[in-house]
C-alpha atoms as a PDB file:
ATOM      1  CA  MET A   1     -62.041 -26.495 -44.326  1.00  0.00           C
ATOM      2  CA  THR A   2     -61.593 -22.825 -45.137  1.00  0.00           C
ATOM      3  CA  ALA A   3     -62.182 -20.425 -42.280  1.00  0.00           C
ATOM      4  CA  GLU A   4     -64.895 -17.866 -42.810  1.00  0.00           C
ATOM      5  CA  ILE A   5     -63.506 -14.448 -43.651  1.00  0.00           C
ATOM      6  CA  THR A   6     -65.372 -11.530 -42.157  1.00  0.00           C
ATOM      7  CA  ARG A   7     -65.303  -8.305 -44.083  1.00  0.00           C
ATOM      8  CA  PRO A   8     -64.034  -5.454 -41.911  1.00  0.00           C
ATOM      9  CA  SER A   9     -65.968  -2.309 -41.245  1.00  0.00           C
ATOM     10  CA  SER A  10     -65.478   0.495 -43.752  1.00  0.00           C
ATOM     11  CA  ALA A  11     -64.563   2.799 -40.892  1.00  0.00           C
ATOM     12  CA  ALA A  12     -61.378   4.737 -41.511  1.00  0.00           C
ATOM     13  CA  PRO A  13     -58.288   2.521 -41.102  1.00  0.00           C
ATOM     14  CA  ASP A  14     -55.770   3.098 -38.332  1.00  0.00           C
ATOM     15  CA  ARG A  15     -53.721   5.936 -39.770  1.00  0.00           C
ATOM     16  CA  THR A  16     -50.641   4.883 -37.812  1.00  0.00           C
ATOM     17  CA  ASP A  17     -50.416   1.312 -39.130  1.00  0.00           C
ATOM     18  CA  PRO A  18     -50.263   1.116 -42.927  1.00  0.00           C
ATOM     19  CA  GLU A  19     -48.074  -2.011 -42.829  1.00  0.00           C
ATOM     20  CA  GLY A  20     -50.618  -3.887 -40.736  1.00  0.00           C
ATOM     21  CA  ALA A  21     -53.600  -2.734 -42.774  1.00  0.00           C
ATOM     22  CA  ILE A  22     -51.943  -3.611 -46.098  1.00  0.00           C
ATOM     23  CA  ALA A  23     -50.868  -7.045 -44.847  1.00  0.00           C
ATOM     24  CA  ALA A  24     -54.341  -7.832 -43.487  1.00  0.00           C
ATOM     25  CA  ALA A  25     -56.114  -6.701 -46.666  1.00  0.00           C
ATOM     26  CA  ALA A  26     -53.664  -8.628 -48.825  1.00  0.00           C
ATOM     27  CA  ALA A  27     -54.316 -11.801 -46.838  1.00  0.00           C
ATOM     28  CA  ARG A  28     -58.096 -11.404 -47.062  1.00  0.00           C
ATOM     29  CA  CYS A  29     -58.194 -10.470 -50.749  1.00  0.00           C
ATOM     30  CA  SER A  30     -55.411 -12.542 -52.264  1.00  0.00           C
ATOM     31  CA  ASN A  31     -56.103 -14.310 -55.555  1.00  0.00           C
ATOM     32  CA  TRP A  32     -52.672 -15.952 -55.642  1.00  0.00           C
ATOM     33  CA  GLY A  33     -53.024 -19.428 -57.109  1.00  0.00           C
ATOM     34  CA  ARG A  34     -56.708 -18.972 -57.918  1.00  0.00           C
ATOM     35  CA  TRP A  35     -56.085 -19.520 -61.649  1.00  0.00           C
ATOM     36  CA  GLY A  36     -52.956 -21.631 -61.280  1.00  0.00           C
ATOM     37  CA  GLU A  37     -49.379 -20.839 -60.423  1.00  0.00           C
ATOM     38  CA  ASP A  38     -48.513 -19.846 -64.000  1.00  0.00           C
ATOM     39  CA  ASP A  39     -51.348 -17.345 -64.438  1.00  0.00           C
ATOM     40  CA  VAL A  40     -50.525 -14.001 -66.075  1.00  0.00           C
ATOM     41  CA  HIS A  41     -54.025 -12.565 -66.588  1.00  0.00           C
ATOM     42  CA  GLY A  42     -55.292 -11.906 -63.066  1.00  0.00           C
ATOM     43  CA  THR A  43     -58.877 -10.695 -62.915  1.00  0.00           C
ATOM     44  CA  LEU A  44     -59.231 -10.823 -66.701  1.00  0.00           C
ATOM     45  CA  ASN A  45     -59.747 -14.553 -66.113  1.00  0.00           C
ATOM     46  CA  HIS A  46     -63.263 -13.683 -64.960  1.00  0.00           C
ATOM     47  CA  ILE A  47     -64.285 -12.768 -68.520  1.00  0.00           C
ATOM     48  CA  THR A  48     -65.618 -15.556 -70.718  1.00  0.00           C
ATOM     49  CA  ALA A  49     -66.720 -15.581 -74.347  1.00  0.00           C
ATOM     50  CA  ALA A  50     -70.309 -15.697 -73.077  1.00  0.00           C
ATOM     51  CA  ASP A  51     -69.676 -12.533 -71.063  1.00  0.00           C
ATOM     52  CA  ARG A  52     -68.469 -10.734 -74.187  1.00  0.00           C
ATOM     53  CA  LEU A  53     -71.544 -11.882 -76.085  1.00  0.00           C
ATOM     54  CA  ARG A  54     -73.762 -10.470 -73.344  1.00  0.00           C
ATOM     55  CA  ALA A  55     -71.797  -7.231 -73.448  1.00  0.00           C
ATOM     56  CA  ALA A  56     -72.343  -7.001 -77.193  1.00  0.00           C
ATOM     57  CA  GLY A  57     -76.064  -7.370 -76.523  1.00  0.00           C
ATOM     58  CA  LEU A  58     -76.012  -4.096 -74.583  1.00  0.00           C
ATOM     59  CA  VAL A  59     -75.435  -2.158 -77.814  1.00  0.00           C
ATOM     60  CA  ARG A  60     -78.738  -0.592 -78.842  1.00  0.00           C
ATOM     61  CA  SER A  61     -78.098   2.602 -80.799  1.00  0.00           C
ATOM     62  CA  GLY A  62     -74.520   2.022 -81.913  1.00  0.00           C
ATOM     63  CA  GLU A  63     -73.446   5.255 -80.190  1.00  0.00           C
ATOM     64  CA  THR A  64     -69.701   5.275 -79.491  1.00  0.00           C
ATOM     65  CA  LEU A  65     -67.960   7.415 -76.895  1.00  0.00           C
ATOM     66  CA  SER A  66     -64.225   7.786 -76.521  1.00  0.00           C
ATOM     67  CA  LEU A  67     -63.180   7.854 -72.866  1.00  0.00           C
ATOM     68  CA  ALA A  68     -59.665   9.133 -73.585  1.00  0.00           C
ATOM     69  CA  LEU A  69     -57.991  12.456 -73.020  1.00  0.00           C
ATOM     70  CA  PRO A  70     -56.133  14.029 -75.953  1.00  0.00           C
ATOM     71  CA  PHE A  71     -52.520  12.868 -76.081  1.00  0.00           C
ATOM     72  CA  ASP A  72     -50.698  16.187 -76.458  1.00  0.00           C
ATOM     73  CA  MET A  73     -48.408  18.645 -74.727  1.00  0.00           C
ATOM     74  CA  ASP A  74     -51.336  20.215 -72.891  1.00  0.00           C
ATOM     75  CA  GLY A  75     -51.734  17.141 -70.722  1.00  0.00           C
ATOM     76  CA  PRO A  76     -51.917  16.558 -67.002  1.00  0.00           C
ATOM     77  CA  GLN A  77     -48.323  15.647 -66.248  1.00  0.00           C
ATOM     78  CA  LYS A  78     -45.817  17.860 -64.436  1.00  0.00           C
ATOM     79  CA  GLY A  79     -42.674  15.734 -64.680  1.00  0.00           C
ATOM     80  CA  TRP A  80     -42.941  13.716 -61.452  1.00  0.00           C
ATOM     81  CA  ARG A  81     -40.613  10.680 -61.755  1.00  0.00           C
ATOM     82  CA  ARG A  82     -39.917  11.729 -65.339  1.00  0.00           C
ATOM     83  CA  ARG A  83     -43.559  11.475 -66.360  1.00  0.00           C
ATOM     84  CA  THR A  84     -43.973  14.109 -69.039  1.00  0.00           C
ATOM     85  CA  ASN A  85     -46.723  14.871 -71.500  1.00  0.00           C
ATOM     86  CA  PRO A  86     -46.474  13.418 -75.017  1.00  0.00           C
ATOM     87  CA  VAL A  87     -44.017  15.064 -77.385  1.00  0.00           C
ATOM     88  CA  HIS A  88     -45.297  14.955 -80.961  1.00  0.00           C
ATOM     89  CA  THR A  89     -42.785  15.727 -83.723  1.00  0.00           C
ATOM     90  CA  MET A  90     -43.189  15.767 -87.498  1.00  0.00           C
ATOM     91  CA  LEU A  91     -40.648  13.861 -89.572  1.00  0.00           C
ATOM     92  CA  ASP A  92     -42.038  14.978 -92.930  1.00  0.00           C
ATOM     93  CA  THR A  93     -44.538  17.766 -93.633  1.00  0.00           C
ATOM     94  CA  GLY A  94     -46.375  19.479 -96.452  1.00  0.00           C
ATOM     95  CA  ILE A  95     -43.577  22.049 -96.616  1.00  0.00           C
ATOM     96  CA  GLU A  96     -41.087  19.431 -97.801  1.00  0.00           C
ATOM     97  CA  ALA A  97     -43.712  18.059-100.179  1.00  0.00           C
ATOM     98  CA  GLU A  98     -44.221  21.491-101.766  1.00  0.00           C
ATOM     99  CA  ALA A  99     -40.458  21.908-102.106  1.00  0.00           C
ATOM    100  CA  GLY A 100     -40.195  18.533-103.840  1.00  0.00           C
ATOM    101  CA  ILE A 101     -37.363  17.383-101.577  1.00  0.00           C
ATOM    102  CA  GLN A 102     -38.848  14.175-100.213  1.00  0.00           C
ATOM    103  CA  GLY A 103     -37.410  11.999-102.943  1.00  0.00           C
ATOM    104  CA  PHE A 104     -40.688  10.544-104.225  1.00  0.00           C
ATOM    105  CA  PRO A 105     -41.466  10.278-107.972  1.00  0.00           C
ATOM    106  CA  HIS A 106     -44.306  11.815-110.016  1.00  0.00           C
ATOM    107  CA  GLY A 107     -45.256  14.502-107.486  1.00  0.00           C
ATOM    108  CA  LEU A 108     -46.084  12.198-104.597  1.00  0.00           C
ATOM    109  CA  GLY A 109     -45.742  13.814-101.179  1.00  0.00           C
ATOM    110  CA  GLY A 110     -46.530  12.760 -97.661  1.00  0.00           C
ATOM    111  CA  ALA A 111     -46.252  13.408 -93.958  1.00  0.00           C
ATOM    112  CA  ASP A 112     -44.880  11.277 -91.132  1.00  0.00           C
ATOM    113  CA  ASP A 113     -44.635  11.847 -87.427  1.00  0.00           C
ATOM    114  CA  VAL A 114     -43.339  10.379 -84.169  1.00  0.00           C
ATOM    115  CA  VAL A 115     -44.522  10.516 -80.543  1.00  0.00           C
ATOM    116  CA  ALA A 116     -42.323  10.159 -77.460  1.00  0.00           C
ATOM    117  CA  MET A 117     -44.097   9.691 -74.157  1.00  0.00           C
ATOM    118  CA  PRO A 118     -44.183   7.759 -70.899  1.00  0.00           C
ATOM    119  CA  LEU A 119     -46.733   4.972 -71.291  1.00  0.00           C
ATOM    120  CA  GLN A 120     -48.711   6.164 -68.274  1.00  0.00           C
ATOM    121  CA  CYS A 121     -48.806   9.882 -68.976  1.00  0.00           C
ATOM    122  CA  SER A 122     -52.499  10.073 -69.900  1.00  0.00           C
ATOM    123  CA  THR A 123     -55.500   7.754 -70.262  1.00  0.00           C
ATOM    124  CA  GLN A 124     -54.027   4.326 -69.506  1.00  0.00           C
ATOM    125  CA  TRP A 125     -54.111   0.903 -67.885  1.00  0.00           C
ATOM    126  CA  ASP A 126     -51.844  -0.120 -65.032  1.00  0.00           C
ATOM    127  CA  GLY A 127     -50.562  -3.599 -65.852  1.00  0.00           C
ATOM    128  CA  LEU A 128     -49.900  -6.379 -63.351  1.00  0.00           C
ATOM    129  CA  GLY A 129     -46.160  -5.662 -63.337  1.00  0.00           C
ATOM    130  CA  HIS A 130     -46.654  -2.041 -62.289  1.00  0.00           C
ATOM    131  CA  ILE A 131     -46.811  -2.446 -58.493  1.00  0.00           C
ATOM    132  CA  PHE A 132     -45.148  -4.860 -56.042  1.00  0.00           C
ATOM    133  CA  ASP A 133     -45.684  -5.649 -52.373  1.00  0.00           C
ATOM    134  CA  HIS A 134     -42.506  -6.301 -50.385  1.00  0.00           C
ATOM    135  CA  GLY A 135     -40.745  -7.503 -53.520  1.00  0.00           C
ATOM    136  CA  ARG A 136     -43.583  -9.740 -54.673  1.00  0.00           C
ATOM    137  CA  ALA A 137     -45.505  -9.316 -57.925  1.00  0.00           C
ATOM    138  CA  TRP A 138     -48.832 -10.745 -59.065  1.00  0.00           C
ATOM    139  CA  ASN A 139     -49.371 -14.386 -58.091  1.00  0.00           C
ATOM    140  CA  GLY A 140     -46.542 -14.350 -55.565  1.00  0.00           C
ATOM    141  CA  ARG A 141     -43.650 -14.146 -57.993  1.00  0.00           C
ATOM    142  CA  ARG A 142     -40.442 -12.357 -57.022  1.00  0.00           C
ATOM    143  CA  SER A 143     -40.583  -8.906 -58.561  1.00  0.00           C
ATOM    144  CA  GLY A 144     -36.988  -9.170 -59.805  1.00  0.00           C
ATOM    145  CA  GLN A 145     -37.892 -12.269 -61.783  1.00  0.00           C
ATOM    146  CA  VAL A 146     -40.858 -10.494 -63.377  1.00  0.00           C
ATOM    147  CA  VAL A 147     -39.657  -7.008 -64.318  1.00  0.00           C
ATOM    148  CA  THR A 148     -36.045  -6.483 -65.326  1.00  0.00           C
ATOM    149  CA  SER A 149     -34.202  -4.069 -67.590  1.00  0.00           C
ATOM    150  CA  GLU A 150     -35.797  -6.038 -70.435  1.00  0.00           C
ATOM    151  CA  GLY A 151     -39.273  -5.119 -69.181  1.00  0.00           C
ATOM    152  CA  ASP A 152     -42.019  -7.272 -67.714  1.00  0.00           C
ATOM    153  CA  ARG A 153     -41.046 -10.686 -69.035  1.00  0.00           C
ATOM    154  CA  VAL A 154     -44.022 -12.475 -67.445  1.00  0.00           C
ATOM    155  CA  THR A 155     -47.110 -10.261 -67.193  1.00  0.00           C
ATOM    156  CA  GLY A 156     -46.257  -7.631 -69.806  1.00  0.00           C
ATOM    157  CA  ILE A 157     -49.222  -5.600 -70.959  1.00  0.00           C
ATOM    158  CA  GLU A 158     -49.243  -7.497 -74.266  1.00  0.00           C
ATOM    159  CA  THR A 159     -50.746 -10.452 -72.381  1.00  0.00           C
ATOM    160  CA  ALA A 160     -53.934  -8.415 -71.917  1.00  0.00           C
ATOM    161  CA  ALA A 161     -54.196  -7.113 -75.477  1.00  0.00           C
ATOM    162  CA  GLY A 162     -56.933  -9.524 -76.579  1.00  0.00           C
ATOM    163  CA  ARG A 163     -58.927  -9.568 -73.356  1.00  0.00           C
ATOM    164  CA  MET A 164     -60.019  -6.014 -72.543  1.00  0.00           C
ATOM    165  CA  VAL A 165     -63.567  -6.323 -73.899  1.00  0.00           C
ATOM    166  CA  GLY A 166     -66.674  -6.774 -71.787  1.00  0.00           C
ATOM    167  CA  ARG A 167     -69.540  -5.202 -69.903  1.00  0.00           C
ATOM    168  CA  GLY A 168     -68.821  -1.719 -68.613  1.00  0.00           C
ATOM    169  CA  VAL A 169     -70.725  -0.083 -65.764  1.00  0.00           C
ATOM    170  CA  LEU A 170     -70.545   3.609 -64.938  1.00  0.00           C
ATOM    171  CA  LEU A 171     -70.849   4.526 -61.272  1.00  0.00           C
ATOM    172  CA  ASP A 172     -71.264   8.298 -61.261  1.00  0.00           C
ATOM    173  CA  VAL A 173     -70.352   8.770 -57.611  1.00  0.00           C
ATOM    174  CA  GLY A 174     -69.630  12.436 -58.207  1.00  0.00           C
ATOM    175  CA  ARG A 175     -73.234  12.978 -59.278  1.00  0.00           C
ATOM    176  CA  GLU A 176     -74.889  10.858 -56.588  1.00  0.00           C
ATOM    177  CA  ILE A 177     -72.709  11.757 -53.601  1.00  0.00           C
ATOM    178  CA  GLY A 178     -71.013  15.038 -54.501  1.00  0.00           C
ATOM    179  CA  ASP A 179     -72.164  18.632 -54.935  1.00  0.00           C
ATOM    180  CA  ASP A 180     -72.887  19.801 -58.480  1.00  0.00           C
ATOM    181  CA  GLY A 181     -71.631  16.493 -59.831  1.00  0.00           C
ATOM    182  CA  GLU A 182     -68.158  16.637 -58.280  1.00  0.00           C
ATOM    183  CA  LEU A 183     -66.466  15.196 -55.206  1.00  0.00           C
ATOM    184  CA  PRO A 184     -63.991  17.450 -53.402  1.00  0.00           C
ATOM    185  CA  ASP A 185     -60.292  16.640 -53.367  1.00  0.00           C
ATOM    186  CA  GLY A 186     -59.458  14.277 -50.525  1.00  0.00           C
ATOM    187  CA  PHE A 187     -62.903  12.650 -50.503  1.00  0.00           C
ATOM    188  CA  ALA A 188     -62.603   8.919 -49.755  1.00  0.00           C
ATOM    189  CA  ILE A 189     -65.154   6.823 -51.647  1.00  0.00           C
ATOM    190  CA  LEU A 190     -66.286   4.089 -49.266  1.00  0.00           C
ATOM    191  CA  PRO A 191     -68.009   0.804 -50.147  1.00  0.00           C
ATOM    192  CA  GLU A 192     -71.320   2.287 -49.028  1.00  0.00           C
ATOM    193  CA  HIS A 193     -70.871   5.179 -51.485  1.00  0.00           C
ATOM    194  CA  LEU A 194     -70.475   2.679 -54.318  1.00  0.00           C
ATOM    195  CA  ASP A 195     -73.527   0.758 -53.134  1.00  0.00           C
ATOM    196  CA  ARG A 196     -75.582   3.949 -52.749  1.00  0.00           C
ATOM    197  CA  THR A 197     -74.689   4.983 -56.284  1.00  0.00           C
ATOM    198  CA  ILE A 198     -75.718   1.589 -57.664  1.00  0.00           C
ATOM    199  CA  GLU A 199     -79.029   1.789 -55.818  1.00  0.00           C
ATOM    200  CA  ALA A 200     -79.709   5.334 -56.994  1.00  0.00           C
ATOM    201  CA  GLN A 201     -78.862   4.623 -60.627  1.00  0.00           C
ATOM    202  CA  GLY A 202     -80.992   1.505 -60.844  1.00  0.00           C
ATOM    203  CA  PRO A 203     -80.751  -2.240 -61.471  1.00  0.00           C
ATOM    204  CA  ASP A 204     -78.620  -2.034 -64.607  1.00  0.00           C
ATOM    205  CA  SER A 205     -75.840  -0.507 -62.485  1.00  0.00           C
ATOM    206  CA  ALA A 206     -75.382  -3.687 -60.464  1.00  0.00           C
ATOM    207  CA  VAL A 207     -71.737  -4.742 -60.439  1.00  0.00           C
ATOM    208  CA  GLY A 208     -70.668  -8.358 -60.694  1.00  0.00           C
ATOM    209  CA  ARG A 209     -68.238 -10.890 -62.063  1.00  0.00           C
ATOM    210  CA  ALA A 210     -66.270  -9.881 -65.182  1.00  0.00           C
ATOM    211  CA  ASP A 211     -67.449  -6.258 -65.213  1.00  0.00           C
ATOM    212  CA  PHE A 212     -65.301  -3.228 -65.946  1.00  0.00           C
ATOM    213  CA  VAL A 213     -66.312  -0.563 -63.435  1.00  0.00           C
ATOM    214  CA  CYS A 214     -65.870   3.103 -64.347  1.00  0.00           C
ATOM    215  CA  VAL A 215     -66.019   5.415 -61.334  1.00  0.00           C
ATOM    216  CA  ARG A 216     -66.597   9.073 -62.083  1.00  0.00           C
ATOM    217  CA  THR A 217     -65.580  11.463 -59.307  1.00  0.00           C
ATOM    218  CA  GLY A 218     -65.882  14.713 -61.265  1.00  0.00           C
ATOM    219  CA  GLN A 219     -62.287  15.751 -60.576  1.00  0.00           C
ATOM    220  CA  LEU A 220     -61.333  15.610 -64.238  1.00  0.00           C
ATOM    221  CA  ALA A 221     -64.246  17.857 -65.154  1.00  0.00           C
ATOM    222  CA  ARG A 222     -62.933  20.349 -62.591  1.00  0.00           C
ATOM    223  CA  ALA A 223     -59.392  20.124 -63.974  1.00  0.00           C
ATOM    224  CA  LEU A 224     -60.542  20.612 -67.553  1.00  0.00           C
ATOM    225  CA  ARG A 225     -62.575  23.623 -66.475  1.00  0.00           C
ATOM    226  CA  ASP A 226     -60.142  25.279 -64.060  1.00  0.00           C
ATOM    227  CA  GLY A 227     -56.728  24.070 -65.254  1.00  0.00           C
ATOM    228  CA  TRP A 228     -54.600  21.037 -64.405  1.00  0.00           C
ATOM    229  CA  GLY A 229     -53.123  22.462 -61.223  1.00  0.00           C
ATOM    230  CA  ASP A 230     -52.101  19.540 -59.011  1.00  0.00           C
ATOM    231  CA  TYR A 231     -54.260  16.984 -60.817  1.00  0.00           C
ATOM    232  CA  ALA A 232     -51.156  14.839 -61.453  1.00  0.00           C
ATOM    233  CA  GLY A 233     -50.181  13.505 -58.044  1.00  0.00           C
ATOM    234  CA  GLY A 234     -51.923  16.069 -55.857  1.00  0.00           C
ATOM    235  CA  PRO A 235     -54.981  15.824 -53.602  1.00  0.00           C
ATOM    236  CA  ALA A 236     -57.874  13.997 -55.239  1.00  0.00           C
ATOM    237  CA  PRO A 237     -61.104  12.185 -54.535  1.00  0.00           C
ATOM    238  CA  GLY A 238     -60.755   8.461 -54.983  1.00  0.00           C
ATOM    239  CA  LEU A 239     -61.422   5.013 -53.671  1.00  0.00           C
ATOM    240  CA  SER A 240     -60.831   4.442 -49.997  1.00  0.00           C
ATOM    241  CA  PHE A 241     -58.397   1.764 -48.883  1.00  0.00           C
ATOM    242  CA  THR A 242     -61.443   0.105 -47.336  1.00  0.00           C
ATOM    243  CA  THR A 243     -62.835  -0.714 -50.811  1.00  0.00           C
ATOM    244  CA  ALA A 244     -60.246  -3.483 -51.301  1.00  0.00           C
ATOM    245  CA  ASP A 245     -62.681  -6.113 -50.033  1.00  0.00           C
ATOM    246  CA  TRP A 246     -65.546  -4.711 -52.136  1.00  0.00           C
ATOM    247  CA  LEU A 247     -63.411  -4.905 -55.267  1.00  0.00           C
ATOM    248  CA  HIS A 248     -62.337  -8.445 -54.459  1.00  0.00           C
ATOM    249  CA  GLU A 249     -65.794  -9.728 -53.535  1.00  0.00           C
ATOM    250  CA  HIS A 250     -67.398  -8.447 -56.735  1.00  0.00           C
ATOM    251  CA  ASP A 251     -64.925 -10.344 -58.957  1.00  0.00           C
ATOM    252  CA  ILE A 252     -64.644  -7.453 -61.407  1.00  0.00           C
ATOM    253  CA  ALA A 253     -62.285  -7.602 -64.383  1.00  0.00           C
ATOM    254  CA  GLY A 254     -61.004  -4.049 -64.068  1.00  0.00           C
ATOM    255  CA  ILE A 255     -61.728  -0.623 -62.653  1.00  0.00           C
ATOM    256  CA  ALA A 256     -61.076   2.866 -64.008  1.00  0.00           C
ATOM    257  CA  THR A 257     -61.469   6.368 -62.638  1.00  0.00           C
ATOM    258  CA  ASP A 258     -61.248   9.933 -63.911  1.00  0.00           C
ATOM    259  CA  THR A 259     -58.381  10.710 -61.527  1.00  0.00           C
ATOM    260  CA  TRP A 260     -54.598  10.516 -61.771  1.00  0.00           C
ATOM    261  CA  GLY A 261     -54.171   7.799 -59.164  1.00  0.00           C
ATOM    262  CA  PHE A 262     -57.440   5.853 -58.659  1.00  0.00           C
ATOM    263  CA  GLU A 263     -57.352   6.033 -54.847  1.00  0.00           C
ATOM    264  CA  VAL A 264     -58.023   8.948 -52.535  1.00  0.00           C
ATOM    265  CA  ARG A 265     -55.188  11.408 -52.061  1.00  0.00           C
ATOM    266  CA  PRO A 266     -53.817  12.217 -49.570  1.00  0.00           C
ATOM    267  CA  ASN A 267     -53.847   8.536 -48.720  1.00  0.00           C
ATOM    268  CA  GLU A 268     -55.546   7.449 -45.508  1.00  0.00           C
ATOM    269  CA  PHE A 269     -52.395   6.758 -43.487  1.00  0.00           C
ATOM    270  CA  ASP A 270     -49.902   9.103 -41.878  1.00  0.00           C
ATOM    271  CA  VAL A 271     -47.037   7.694 -43.973  1.00  0.00           C
ATOM    272  CA  ALA A 272     -48.080   5.932 -47.166  1.00  0.00           C
ATOM    273  CA  PHE A 273     -48.014   6.058 -50.936  1.00  0.00           C
ATOM    274  CA  GLN A 274     -50.837   4.433 -52.889  1.00  0.00           C
ATOM    275  CA  PRO A 275     -51.541   1.599 -50.405  1.00  0.00           C
ATOM    276  CA  LEU A 276     -54.661   0.424 -52.264  1.00  0.00           C
ATOM    277  CA  HIS A 277     -52.518  -0.151 -55.370  1.00  0.00           C
ATOM    278  CA  GLN A 278     -50.248  -2.295 -53.184  1.00  0.00           C
ATOM    279  CA  VAL A 279     -53.153  -4.644 -52.468  1.00  0.00           C
ATOM    280  CA  VAL A 280     -55.252  -4.723 -55.622  1.00  0.00           C
ATOM    281  CA  ILE A 281     -52.563  -5.089 -58.296  1.00  0.00           C
ATOM    282  CA  PRO A 282     -50.098  -7.638 -56.878  1.00  0.00           C
ATOM    283  CA  HIS A 283     -52.598  -9.535 -54.694  1.00  0.00           C
ATOM    284  CA  ILE A 284     -55.997  -9.328 -56.413  1.00  0.00           C
ATOM    285  CA  GLY A 285     -54.470  -9.162 -59.888  1.00  0.00           C
ATOM    286  CA  LEU A 286     -56.730  -6.237 -60.767  1.00  0.00           C
ATOM    287  CA  TYR A 287     -56.183  -3.925 -63.729  1.00  0.00           C
ATOM    288  CA  ILE A 288     -56.542  -0.225 -62.914  1.00  0.00           C
ATOM    289  CA  GLY A 289     -57.426   2.461 -65.440  1.00  0.00           C
ATOM    290  CA  GLU A 290     -56.571   6.068 -64.674  1.00  0.00           C
ATOM    291  CA  MET A 291     -57.247   9.468 -66.217  1.00  0.00           C
ATOM    292  CA  TRP A 292     -60.306   8.245 -68.129  1.00  0.00           C
ATOM    293  CA  ASN A 293     -62.599  11.000 -69.392  1.00  0.00           C
ATOM    294  CA  LEU A 294     -66.007   9.828 -68.190  1.00  0.00           C
ATOM    295  CA  ASP A 295     -67.960  13.082 -68.511  1.00  0.00           C
ATOM    296  CA  GLY A 296     -69.457  12.472 -71.950  1.00  0.00           C
ATOM    297  CA  LEU A 297     -70.393   8.933 -70.986  1.00  0.00           C
ATOM    298  CA  ALA A 298     -72.012  10.173 -67.776  1.00  0.00           C
ATOM    299  CA  ALA A 299     -74.115  12.684 -69.705  1.00  0.00           C
ATOM    300  CA  ALA A 300     -75.263  10.004 -72.138  1.00  0.00           C
ATOM    301  CA  CYS A 301     -76.087   7.593 -69.318  1.00  0.00           C
ATOM    302  CA  ARG A 302     -78.089  10.173 -67.397  1.00  0.00           C
ATOM    303  CA  LYS A 303     -80.001  11.143 -70.525  1.00  0.00           C
ATOM    304  CA  ASP A 304     -81.458   7.697 -71.144  1.00  0.00           C
ATOM    305  CA  GLY A 305     -81.024   6.128 -67.700  1.00  0.00           C
ATOM    306  CA  ARG A 306     -78.767   3.326 -68.948  1.00  0.00           C
ATOM    307  CA  PHE A 307     -75.484   2.955 -67.082  1.00  0.00           C
ATOM    308  CA  GLU A 308     -74.221  -0.272 -68.649  1.00  0.00           C
ATOM    309  CA  PHE A 309     -72.522  -0.540 -72.026  1.00  0.00           C
ATOM    310  CA  MET A 310     -70.044  -2.543 -74.024  1.00  0.00           C
ATOM    311  CA  LEU A 311     -66.477  -1.516 -73.243  1.00  0.00           C
ATOM    312  CA  VAL A 312     -63.641  -2.072 -75.711  1.00  0.00           C
ATOM    313  CA  ALA A 313     -60.358  -0.950 -74.150  1.00  0.00           C
ATOM    314  CA  PRO A 314     -57.370  -3.011 -75.315  1.00  0.00           C
ATOM    315  CA  PRO A 315     -53.885  -1.831 -74.418  1.00  0.00           C
ATOM    316  CA  LEU A 316     -51.230  -1.391 -77.068  1.00  0.00           C
ATOM    317  CA  PRO A 317     -49.373  -4.732 -77.177  1.00  0.00           C
ATOM    318  CA  ILE A 318     -46.053  -3.196 -76.202  1.00  0.00           C
ATOM    319  CA  THR A 319     -43.933  -6.199 -75.313  1.00  0.00           C
ATOM    320  CA  GLY A 320     -42.831  -6.107 -71.689  1.00  0.00           C
ATOM    321  CA  ALA A 321     -44.594  -2.858 -70.784  1.00  0.00           C
ATOM    322  CA  VAL A 322     -46.089  -2.447 -67.303  1.00  0.00           C
ATOM    323  CA  GLY A 323     -48.804  -0.096 -68.543  1.00  0.00           C
ATOM    324  CA  SER A 324     -50.246   1.245 -71.758  1.00  0.00           C
ATOM    325  CA  PRO A 325     -51.928   4.320 -73.220  1.00  0.00           C
ATOM    326  CA  ILE A 326     -55.399   3.516 -74.511  1.00  0.00           C
ATOM    327  CA  ASN A 327     -58.450   4.946 -76.228  1.00  0.00           C
ATOM    328  CA  PRO A 328     -61.253   3.174 -74.339  1.00  0.00           C
ATOM    329  CA  MET A 329     -64.540   3.043 -76.230  1.00  0.00           C
ATOM    330  CA  ALA A 330     -67.993   2.800 -74.672  1.00  0.00           C
ATOM    331  CA  ILE A 331     -70.461   1.409 -77.204  1.00  0.00           C
ATOM    332  CA  ARG A 332     -74.142   1.884 -76.337  1.00  0.00           C
END
């Protein structure tokens, strides 16, 4: 008989004990073994073909909205841990075509280009091999047996390439809880803030099994207006560590925010770095989207009062990658 698990209060965690809080949340929220010991898909297992059919039924006007930032040199990164903005270089241009030096017959000319970039420098998914807890990866595997110099040989992002389609739900927490549509840096989004936003937005904002939840804080709107500043890695609104149980209980497929790091920064412990990541990726098996541009979607949702949509957001099937740049599409 399984003992009843009581969800803890969403009161601020003990700032002095990140190890204890992470271990307790991991034990409560673990999905290890839920889909078998060989599972590589984590929470994407929640999505069925029937769920995708229902998501397709949400399309009414055919309106499409890209939720991606531009991939260019004017991006959010500042070089932390060698994360730079994309470098786009031309290999062939119209200049060479005009000069007739490209080697093609009968006047044919063309252009080619190349991009070099870290895979998580802009709008992206965190894969299941991105974060470990005490040397353990998703489903309890040893991290050194999952990600090596050859990449993620078990849960590489290519395993998710055909599964990132389903019902999307926008929770515009910045609009419902913040001032002028934006939460201040350092604001911790608690479970009750998510619930209040759902209640305020209406029944079609209810979050459940297999959903992709998009949480708008408004920080990206501020960065695009005022300049990047410390957007990459600095103080930010985001999900509180105490939302781990909420995320687990709702059986969502994935979650994305308009911030660099998904969770509130500074983190809620005296000494910590991204403790919510340490629970939700390796233990829940949850995919995290970061740096999604949700402002246009939020405007469209507010205009007609519909906060659910079909989301199509596959990663690039880069073999062995632990994350991927994406162009997520909301179809309404």
